[in-house]
Amino acid sequence: MRLESTNDIHALVMGERAKAVSEREWHHRLRGYGYAIRDDAEGAYVTSILRGGALCRLN
């Protein structure tokens, strides 16, 4: 699965959050797609596990 835009990534991440019963399961599900959630002073954002860069912010 190749996601083209930050909107696609955000939709996937939030869709997986709706399916997960816990934060831990959500993070595990995202790792399967190659993503992780990171927090900083401004909030949470999605990163690529392979590239390590921020992809989009979570509101």
C-alpha atoms as a PDB file:
ATOM      1  CA  MET A   1       0.000   0.000   0.000  1.00  0.00           C
ATOM      2  CA  ARG A   2       1.461   3.327  -1.061  1.00  0.00           C
ATOM      3  CA  LEU A   3      -0.105   6.450   0.389  1.00  0.00           C
ATOM      4  CA  GLU A   4       0.365   9.572  -1.670  1.00  0.00           C
ATOM      5  CA  SER A   5      -0.675  12.461   0.561  1.00  0.00           C
ATOM      6  CA  THR A   6      -0.713  13.492   4.185  1.00  0.00           C
ATOM      7  CA  ASN A   7      -4.516  13.241   4.030  1.00  0.00           C
ATOM      8  CA  ASP A   8      -4.219   9.562   3.030  1.00  0.00           C
ATOM      9  CA  ILE A   9      -1.769   8.895   5.850  1.00  0.00           C
ATOM     10  CA  HIS A  10      -3.911  10.739   8.389  1.00  0.00           C
ATOM     11  CA  ALA A  11      -7.012   8.804   7.280  1.00  0.00           C
ATOM     12  CA  LEU A  12      -5.192   5.470   7.598  1.00  0.00           C
ATOM     13  CA  VAL A  13      -3.799   6.310  11.042  1.00  0.00           C
ATOM     14  CA  MET A  14      -7.139   7.485  12.408  1.00  0.00           C
ATOM     15  CA  GLY A  15      -8.926   4.506  10.841  1.00  0.00           C
ATOM     16  CA  GLU A  16      -6.519   2.165  12.612  1.00  0.00           C
ATOM     17  CA  ARG A  17      -7.098   4.085  15.854  1.00  0.00           C
ATOM     18  CA  ALA A  18     -10.829   3.453  15.544  1.00  0.00           C
ATOM     19  CA  LYS A  19     -10.192  -0.291  15.131  1.00  0.00           C
ATOM     20  CA  ALA A  20      -7.727  -0.617  18.019  1.00  0.00           C
ATOM     21  CA  VAL A  21      -8.902  -1.230  21.567  1.00  0.00           C
ATOM     22  CA  SER A  22      -5.849   0.399  23.199  1.00  0.00           C
ATOM     23  CA  GLU A  23      -3.007   2.824  22.506  1.00  0.00           C
ATOM     24  CA  ARG A  24      -0.581  -0.091  22.531  1.00  0.00           C
ATOM     25  CA  GLU A  25      -2.534  -2.012  19.910  1.00  0.00           C
ATOM     26  CA  TRP A  26      -2.823   1.143  17.773  1.00  0.00           C
ATOM     27  CA  HIS A  27       0.939   1.666  17.819  1.00  0.00           C
ATOM     28  CA  HIS A  28       1.466  -2.002  16.977  1.00  0.00           C
ATOM     29  CA  ARG A  29      -0.969  -1.818  14.053  1.00  0.00           C
ATOM     30  CA  LEU A  30       0.790   1.282  12.696  1.00  0.00           C
ATOM     31  CA  ARG A  31       4.201  -0.410  12.860  1.00  0.00           C
ATOM     32  CA  GLY A  32       2.825  -2.996  10.460  1.00  0.00           C
ATOM     33  CA  TYR A  33       2.349  -0.194   7.923  1.00  0.00           C
ATOM     34  CA  GLY A  34       5.777   1.312   8.646  1.00  0.00           C
ATOM     35  CA  TYR A  35       4.523   4.225  10.745  1.00  0.00           C
ATOM     36  CA  ALA A  36       4.973   5.372  14.325  1.00  0.00           C
ATOM     37  CA  ILE A  37       3.481   8.099  16.511  1.00  0.00           C
ATOM     38  CA  ARG A  38       5.839  10.570  18.167  1.00  0.00           C
ATOM     39  CA  ASP A  39       5.045  13.341  20.625  1.00  0.00           C
ATOM     40  CA  ASP A  40       6.708  16.720  21.024  1.00  0.00           C
ATOM     41  CA  ALA A  41       5.830  20.002  22.723  1.00  0.00           C
ATOM     42  CA  GLU A  42       3.372  20.891  19.939  1.00  0.00           C
ATOM     43  CA  GLY A  43       1.526  17.564  19.877  1.00  0.00           C
ATOM     44  CA  ALA A  44       1.602  14.164  18.192  1.00  0.00           C
ATOM     45  CA  TYR A  45       2.723  13.420  14.661  1.00  0.00           C
ATOM     46  CA  VAL A  46       3.110  10.418  12.375  1.00  0.00           C
ATOM     47  CA  THR A  47       6.624   9.385  11.361  1.00  0.00           C
ATOM     48  CA  SER A  48       8.026   6.887   8.909  1.00  0.00           C
ATOM     49  CA  ILE A  49       9.884   4.049  10.624  1.00  0.00           C
ATOM     50  CA  LEU A  50      12.209   3.634   7.649  1.00  0.00           C
ATOM     51  CA  ARG A  51      12.977   7.295   7.014  1.00  0.00           C
ATOM     52  CA  GLY A  52      12.367   8.669  10.501  1.00  0.00           C
ATOM     53  CA  GLY A  53      10.880  11.909   9.230  1.00  0.00           C
ATOM     54  CA  ALA A  54       7.620  13.517  10.264  1.00  0.00           C
ATOM     55  CA  LEU A  55       4.810  12.883   7.779  1.00  0.00           C
ATOM     56  CA  CYS A  56       1.796  14.640   9.273  1.00  0.00           C
ATOM     57  CA  ARG A  57       0.468  16.054  12.523  1.00  0.00           C
ATOM     58  CA  LEU A  58      -2.379  14.462  14.424  1.00  0.00           C
ATOM     59  CA  ASN A  59      -4.967  16.944  15.656  1.00  0.00           C
END
